Every structure is written in structure tokens, then in C-alpha cells.
Amino acid sequence: MTRLADLAELVRAPAALSVPGDVLSGAAAAGALGRRTPALAGASVLLYWAGMAANDWADRRLDAVERPERPIPSGRVRPSVALGVASGLTAAGLAVATAAGGRRAAAVALPLAATIWGYDLRAKNTAAGPAVMAACRGLDVLLGASGGRVVRALPAALTVAAHTWTVTALSRREVTGADRRLPGLTLTGTALIALTTPARPTPPAPGRAARPGSGRAARLGDLVPAVLAAGYAARYGRAQARVLADPSPARVRAAVGAGITGLPALQGALTARAGARLLGLAVAGAAPLGRRLARLISPT
């Protein structure tokens, strides 16, 4: 009988802490934060877990050679169970998204689910792999924005997608190691992301007058996305710099893990940039918890 712990490893359960921030940053940017947002975040987590299970099912023969310790090649989870988990979680994610956000959410959730499965079954081992995975995360941000002005969430979606491209590009070298050009490219991308994230604040709503004395508070509040973006760059950038010095598989895997567990800090910066500063800090707070849980179950 399959143990719950094995299923948690199959879906990389702790890595899901990096997922709700997509929806929250998109909702904040689109002015759509509300009672439906938590349910959309839950749908996003379900689709993420589905993608992890589908990934291991699709890679089961390759993992038998390169990563025999994983749940399927080790015999702890049968391939049919993994496929069933992936399919069930996909259906659940789509159902929750549709129930929470109606047709507008379904219009994003359906292509998101299709892109996730397309990555796992077709695109992952092609040159298009990083771009397809980046599209998954960008659509995830737009899922959160689906109840508001979606166009205003496009910069946040592109930012998260760009970060995802760097992580995915590195992840393709977890087993073989990388040449120094790749971490040099991804590190440059990370620096640009961190520099531009706090520099594009969402404009205030039309007709909203500033309260007396609010200018100083606003200026202090504008520091929040800058500080969070700097923290994101410092941790993820440091891991990539280590790959530059030693592009071994172990260093690459560490950098990929840092990119996954460090994403909430970037999402928090984007959420704070949209004006939801306390929520942005709460989103960023998932980063240290994710790093602790990653010691128990690998996020990669």
C-alpha cells in the first residue's frame, strides 16, 4: 500500500509553498484580491502537485537510471498510482478554479493545466522546455488576476515567468552539471529581475486622493518591495554564483532548490509593489519555511 509520505515526495509537497504567491501577486496587481483568492490559490496548488506527479510518471524510465531513489523507480509508488494522482489532482484543480472564479478563471485554468501536461509529456526535454515551464508560472499569476483587470497583472506574470525560466534552465543540468555560460546567463537574469521588480509600482486607483501625512508612509512602504527583491536576489544569486565557481551537479541542484524556495520573496515583492504590503510580507514569509521543509523532501 502506498504511504502518504511517498505521495508527498511524489508531488514535492513542500515546494507548493512557492505556488500561492503566484495567485496572490496576480490578484493584487489586478485589483482582484477578495474572498475567491484563497480558493484560486488552492486550485493552483492542486495543479502544481498534479504536474509534479505527471513529471515523475513521464520520467519513470529515465529516473530508473539517473534517480533510482525517487518514489516510482524505487517501487514505493506504482506508475498507475502516480498517473491516477496526477489526473485526479488536475481534475480537482480545474473544478476548484471554476467553482471559485467562474468562466474567467476556467479560461485561464484550462490552458494552464494543458501547458503543465504539455511540458511533462512533450516539451521538457526539448529546447522549448524552459519557455513552456515559464508559461506555466505566468499563467498561474494570471489565474489570480482573472477576477480583475488582467492586463495590469501582465508585468507580474512576466517577472515570475522570467524567474522560472532561469530555474528550469538550470534544472536541466542537475544530473550532468553545467558549463559556466549557463549560470552566468541565469545570474544576469536574476539581477535584472531583482532590479526591475520594485521599480514599477502599480499606480493608485483613479480618483483616490492621498490622505494628509500619507506621503512619508507611502515612501517607507515602497521600501518593502525593494527589500524583498534584494533578499530574493541575494539568496538565489549566491547559489548561482557558486555554480559559476563549481558547475558540478550538486551545486546546480542547490541552485535550483534556492530558486524554488526563494520564489516567495519575489512574489512578496510583486504583491507589495501592488500596494498589498502586509500581504507581500506574509507571502515572502513562506520562503524560510520552504527552505526548512526542503531538508525533509527535496523540491527538485
Protein backbone atom coordinates (compact mmCIF):
# COMPACT_ATOMS: atom_id res chain seq x y z
CA MET A 1 0.00 0.00 0.00
CA THR A 2 1.31 3.45 -0.93
CA ARG A 3 2.25 5.53 2.08
CA LEU A 4 1.21 9.18 2.45
CA ALA A 5 4.87 10.13 2.87
CA ASP A 6 5.68 8.59 -0.51
CA LEU A 7 2.87 10.52 -2.16
CA ALA A 8 4.12 13.71 -0.53
CA GLU A 9 7.54 13.03 -2.03
CA LEU A 10 5.98 12.28 -5.40
CA VAL A 11 4.25 15.66 -5.59
CA ARG A 12 7.13 17.53 -3.86
CA ALA A 13 4.60 18.69 -1.26
CA PRO A 14 6.71 21.39 0.46
CA ALA A 15 7.56 23.04 -2.87
CA ALA A 16 3.89 24.01 -3.12
CA LEU A 17 4.67 26.85 -0.70
CA SER A 18 6.09 28.62 -3.74
CA VAL A 19 2.74 28.45 -5.55
CA PRO A 20 0.06 30.56 -3.75
CA GLY A 21 2.23 33.65 -4.17
CA ASP A 22 1.65 33.45 -7.93
CA VAL A 23 -2.09 33.84 -7.48
CA LEU A 24 -1.76 36.46 -4.74
CA SER A 25 0.65 38.64 -6.72
CA GLY A 26 -1.61 38.42 -9.78
CA ALA A 27 -4.72 39.24 -7.78
CA ALA A 28 -3.03 42.18 -6.06
CA ALA A 29 -1.82 43.62 -9.36
CA ALA A 30 -5.24 43.22 -10.99
CA GLY A 31 -7.15 44.66 -8.03
CA ALA A 32 -8.87 41.30 -7.57
CA LEU A 33 -7.93 40.34 -4.01
CA GLY A 34 -11.05 39.01 -2.35
CA ARG A 35 -12.86 36.04 -0.90
CA ARG A 36 -12.25 33.97 -4.05
CA THR A 37 -8.49 34.41 -3.96
CA PRO A 38 -7.72 31.67 -1.39
CA ALA A 39 -9.71 29.12 -3.40
CA LEU A 40 -7.86 30.07 -6.59
CA ALA A 41 -4.58 29.67 -4.71
CA GLY A 42 -5.75 26.23 -3.61
CA ALA A 43 -6.55 25.32 -7.21
CA SER A 44 -3.08 26.46 -8.20
CA VAL A 45 -1.52 24.16 -5.59
CA LEU A 46 -3.57 21.20 -6.83
CA LEU A 47 -2.43 21.81 -10.42
CA TYR A 48 1.17 22.16 -9.28
CA TRP A 49 1.06 18.85 -7.43
CA ALA A 50 -0.56 17.28 -10.49
CA GLY A 51 2.35 18.49 -12.60
CA MET A 52 4.89 17.00 -10.19
CA ALA A 53 3.18 13.60 -10.23
CA ALA A 54 2.85 13.68 -14.03
CA ASN A 55 6.51 14.64 -14.29
CA ASP A 56 7.63 11.57 -12.35
CA TRP A 57 5.27 9.31 -14.28
CA ALA A 58 6.64 10.59 -17.60
CA ASP A 59 10.26 10.30 -16.37
CA ARG A 60 9.92 6.92 -14.68
CA ARG A 61 12.27 5.08 -17.08
CA LEU A 62 14.87 7.82 -17.08
CA ASP A 63 14.69 8.12 -13.29
CA ALA A 64 15.31 4.38 -13.00
CA VAL A 65 18.81 5.15 -14.33
CA GLU A 66 19.53 8.66 -13.06
CA ARG A 67 17.44 8.90 -9.86
CA PRO A 68 16.52 5.42 -8.68
CA GLU A 69 15.72 6.74 -5.22
CA ARG A 70 12.59 8.54 -6.44
CA PRO A 71 9.17 7.07 -5.48
CA ILE A 72 8.34 5.33 -8.77
CA PRO A 73 11.69 3.68 -9.68
CA SER A 74 12.25 2.70 -6.06
CA GLY A 75 8.95 0.78 -6.12
CA ARG A 76 7.30 2.84 -3.39
CA VAL A 77 4.68 4.26 -5.80
CA ARG A 78 3.33 2.29 -8.75
CA PRO A 79 3.26 4.11 -12.11
CA SER A 80 -0.51 3.62 -12.36
CA VAL A 81 -0.96 5.26 -8.95
CA ALA A 82 1.20 8.24 -9.97
CA LEU A 83 -0.80 8.71 -13.17
CA GLY A 84 -4.05 8.45 -11.25
CA VAL A 85 -2.84 11.02 -8.70
CA ALA A 86 -1.80 13.40 -11.49
CA SER A 87 -5.14 13.04 -13.29
CA GLY A 88 -7.21 13.36 -10.12
CA LEU A 89 -5.36 16.44 -8.93
CA THR A 90 -5.74 18.05 -12.34
CA ALA A 91 -9.49 17.47 -12.32
CA ALA A 92 -9.74 18.77 -8.75
CA GLY A 93 -7.71 21.88 -9.56
CA LEU A 94 -9.89 22.72 -12.56
CA ALA A 95 -13.07 22.12 -10.56
CA VAL A 96 -11.96 24.35 -7.68
CA ALA A 97 -10.82 27.13 -10.03
CA THR A 98 -14.13 27.06 -11.91
CA ALA A 99 -16.22 26.95 -8.75
CA ALA A 100 -14.31 29.87 -7.26
CA GLY A 101 -13.81 32.11 -10.27
CA GLY A 102 -16.38 31.02 -12.83
CA ARG A 103 -15.76 31.19 -16.55
CA ARG A 104 -12.99 33.77 -16.32
CA ALA A 105 -10.94 31.58 -14.01
CA ALA A 106 -11.68 28.47 -16.07
CA ALA A 107 -10.47 30.31 -19.18
CA VAL A 108 -7.04 30.54 -17.55
CA ALA A 109 -7.02 27.27 -15.58
CA LEU A 110 -7.70 25.10 -18.64
CA PRO A 111 -4.73 26.35 -20.69
CA LEU A 112 -2.62 26.27 -17.52
CA ALA A 113 -3.41 22.58 -16.99
CA ALA A 114 -2.80 21.84 -20.68
CA THR A 115 0.56 23.62 -20.55
CA ILE A 116 1.59 21.70 -17.44
CA TRP A 117 0.83 18.35 -19.08
CA GLY A 118 2.38 19.51 -22.34
CA TYR A 119 5.60 20.31 -20.52
CA ASP A 120 5.72 16.96 -18.72
CA LEU A 121 4.83 14.81 -21.72
CA ARG A 122 6.43 16.66 -24.63
CA ALA A 123 8.35 19.86 -24.07
CA LYS A 124 10.50 19.12 -21.04
CA ASN A 125 13.43 17.58 -22.88
CA THR A 126 13.30 19.94 -25.84
CA ALA A 127 14.81 23.37 -26.37
CA ALA A 128 11.36 24.83 -25.66
CA GLY A 129 11.23 23.30 -22.17
CA PRO A 130 12.24 26.35 -20.09
CA ALA A 131 9.91 28.63 -22.06
CA VAL A 132 6.95 26.26 -21.62
CA MET A 133 7.56 25.98 -17.89
CA ALA A 134 7.84 29.76 -17.70
CA ALA A 135 4.46 29.97 -19.43
CA CYS A 136 3.00 27.71 -16.72
CA ARG A 137 4.04 30.10 -13.98
CA GLY A 138 2.96 33.16 -15.94
CA LEU A 139 -0.50 31.66 -16.44
CA ASP A 140 -0.60 30.85 -12.73
CA VAL A 141 -0.18 34.55 -11.94
CA LEU A 142 -2.94 35.39 -14.40
CA LEU A 143 -5.21 32.85 -12.72
CA GLY A 144 -5.12 35.05 -9.66
CA ALA A 145 -5.81 38.10 -11.81
CA SER A 146 -8.76 36.51 -13.62
CA GLY A 147 -11.34 38.28 -11.50
CA GLY A 148 -9.95 41.76 -12.12
CA ARG A 149 -8.06 43.84 -14.68
CA VAL A 150 -5.87 41.10 -16.09
CA VAL A 151 -3.76 43.44 -18.19
CA ARG A 152 -2.42 45.09 -15.05
CA ALA A 153 -1.04 41.73 -13.89
CA LEU A 154 0.97 41.11 -17.06
CA PRO A 155 4.21 42.67 -15.68
CA ALA A 156 4.00 40.43 -12.59
CA ALA A 157 3.30 37.39 -14.77
CA LEU A 158 6.29 38.15 -16.99
CA THR A 159 8.53 38.64 -13.95
CA VAL A 160 7.59 35.29 -12.41
CA ALA A 161 7.91 33.65 -15.84
CA ALA A 162 11.41 35.07 -16.29
CA HIS A 163 12.48 33.73 -12.91
CA THR A 164 11.00 30.35 -13.76
CA TRP A 165 12.98 30.26 -17.00
CA THR A 166 16.23 30.63 -15.05
CA VAL A 167 15.32 27.83 -12.61
CA THR A 168 14.16 25.47 -15.35
CA ALA A 169 17.23 26.10 -17.49
CA LEU A 170 19.45 25.21 -14.53
CA SER A 171 17.36 22.17 -13.61
CA ARG A 172 18.17 20.55 -16.96
CA ARG A 173 21.77 20.25 -15.76
CA GLU A 174 21.08 18.76 -12.32
CA VAL A 175 22.49 15.37 -13.28
CA THR A 176 25.27 16.28 -15.72
CA GLY A 177 26.46 19.60 -14.34
CA ALA A 178 26.65 22.83 -16.33
CA ASP A 179 29.21 24.83 -18.21
CA ARG A 180 29.82 28.30 -16.81
CA ARG A 181 27.90 30.11 -19.54
CA LEU A 182 24.55 28.90 -18.21
CA PRO A 183 24.86 30.13 -14.60
CA GLY A 184 26.35 33.34 -15.97
CA LEU A 185 23.22 33.85 -18.08
CA THR A 186 20.76 32.93 -15.33
CA LEU A 187 22.59 35.06 -12.76
CA THR A 188 22.36 38.06 -15.08
CA GLY A 189 18.64 37.39 -15.47
CA THR A 190 18.17 37.19 -11.70
CA ALA A 191 19.94 40.53 -11.24
CA LEU A 192 17.72 42.20 -13.85
CA ILE A 193 14.59 40.74 -12.27
CA ALA A 194 15.58 42.00 -8.82
CA LEU A 195 16.41 45.48 -10.14
CA THR A 196 13.20 45.92 -12.11
CA THR A 197 10.71 44.33 -9.72
CA PRO A 198 10.41 47.24 -7.25
CA ALA A 199 10.82 49.89 -9.97
CA ARG A 200 7.35 49.58 -11.49
CA PRO A 201 4.79 50.34 -8.77
CA THR A 202 1.14 49.92 -9.63
CA PRO A 203 -0.45 53.36 -9.95
CA PRO A 204 -3.11 54.32 -7.40
CA ALA A 205 -6.74 53.87 -8.32
CA PRO A 206 -8.18 56.84 -10.26
CA GLY A 207 -9.81 59.46 -8.10
CA ARG A 208 -8.23 58.22 -4.86
CA ALA A 209 -6.87 61.23 -3.02
CA ALA A 210 -3.83 60.96 -0.81
CA ARG A 211 -4.51 61.32 2.91
CA PRO A 212 -2.65 64.04 4.82
CA GLY A 213 0.64 62.72 6.11
CA SER A 214 0.43 59.62 3.97
CA GLY A 215 3.39 60.60 1.74
CA ARG A 216 6.06 59.53 4.21
CA ALA A 217 4.25 56.26 4.97
CA ALA A 218 3.97 55.57 1.24
CA ARG A 219 7.67 56.21 0.74
CA LEU A 220 8.51 53.84 3.59
CA GLY A 221 6.08 51.30 2.16
CA ASP A 222 7.83 51.49 -1.18
CA LEU A 223 10.92 50.10 0.53
CA VAL A 224 9.16 46.81 1.17
CA PRO A 225 9.28 45.51 -2.43
CA ALA A 226 12.88 46.72 -2.77
CA VAL A 227 13.98 44.91 0.39
CA LEU A 228 12.17 41.72 -0.57
CA ALA A 229 13.60 41.81 -4.11
CA ALA A 230 17.09 42.32 -2.69
CA GLY A 231 16.66 39.34 -0.37
CA TYR A 232 15.49 37.21 -3.28
CA ALA A 233 18.50 38.22 -5.37
CA ALA A 234 20.98 37.69 -2.55
CA ARG A 235 19.98 34.11 -1.75
CA TYR A 236 19.26 32.85 -5.26
CA GLY A 237 22.12 34.83 -6.76
CA ARG A 238 24.60 33.48 -4.23
CA ALA A 239 23.62 29.90 -5.13
CA GLN A 240 24.12 30.63 -8.82
CA ALA A 241 27.48 32.28 -8.13
CA ARG A 242 28.59 29.03 -6.51
CA VAL A 243 27.68 27.23 -9.73
CA LEU A 244 29.85 29.68 -11.63
CA ALA A 245 32.77 28.73 -9.38
CA ASP A 246 31.99 24.99 -9.46
CA PRO A 247 29.39 23.88 -12.06
CA SER A 248 29.03 20.39 -10.57
CA PRO A 249 25.66 18.59 -10.38
CA ALA A 250 25.45 19.10 -6.61
CA ARG A 251 25.93 22.87 -6.95
CA VAL A 252 23.39 23.02 -9.77
CA ARG A 253 20.81 21.13 -7.69
CA ALA A 254 21.43 23.51 -4.78
CA ALA A 255 20.86 26.50 -7.07
CA VAL A 256 17.63 25.01 -8.40
CA GLY A 257 16.44 24.43 -4.84
CA ALA A 258 17.32 28.03 -3.96
CA GLY A 259 15.36 29.24 -6.96
CA ILE A 260 12.28 27.27 -5.94
CA THR A 261 12.34 28.10 -2.24
CA GLY A 262 13.34 31.71 -2.91
CA LEU A 263 10.43 32.45 -5.23
CA PRO A 264 8.06 33.57 -2.41
CA ALA A 265 10.37 36.52 -1.72
CA LEU A 266 9.97 37.65 -5.33
CA GLN A 267 6.22 37.05 -5.24
CA GLY A 268 6.07 39.02 -2.00
CA ALA A 269 7.90 41.92 -3.64
CA LEU A 270 5.40 41.90 -6.52
CA THR A 271 2.45 41.76 -4.13
CA ALA A 272 3.85 44.62 -2.06
CA ARG A 273 4.54 46.62 -5.21
CA ALA A 274 0.82 46.44 -6.00
CA GLY A 275 0.06 48.08 -2.65
CA ALA A 276 -0.65 45.00 -0.51
CA ARG A 277 2.48 45.40 1.60
CA LEU A 278 1.49 43.33 4.62
CA LEU A 279 0.28 40.54 2.37
CA GLY A 280 3.55 40.78 0.46
CA LEU A 281 5.50 40.29 3.67
CA ALA A 282 3.31 37.30 4.54
CA VAL A 283 3.92 35.76 1.10
CA ALA A 284 7.67 36.26 1.49
CA GLY A 285 7.46 34.59 4.88
CA ALA A 286 6.88 31.26 3.13
CA ALA A 287 10.48 31.30 1.88
CA PRO A 288 12.26 30.32 5.14
CA LEU A 289 9.58 27.73 5.92
CA GLY A 290 10.04 26.25 2.45
CA ARG A 291 13.81 26.01 2.99
CA ARG A 292 13.29 24.10 6.22
CA LEU A 293 10.82 21.68 4.68
CA ALA A 294 13.13 21.18 1.69
CA ARG A 295 15.54 19.45 4.07
CA LEU A 296 12.89 16.78 4.58
CA ILE A 297 11.60 16.45 1.00
CA SER A 298 13.64 17.68 -1.95
CA PRO A 299 11.80 20.33 -4.02
CA THR A 300 13.63 19.23 -7.20
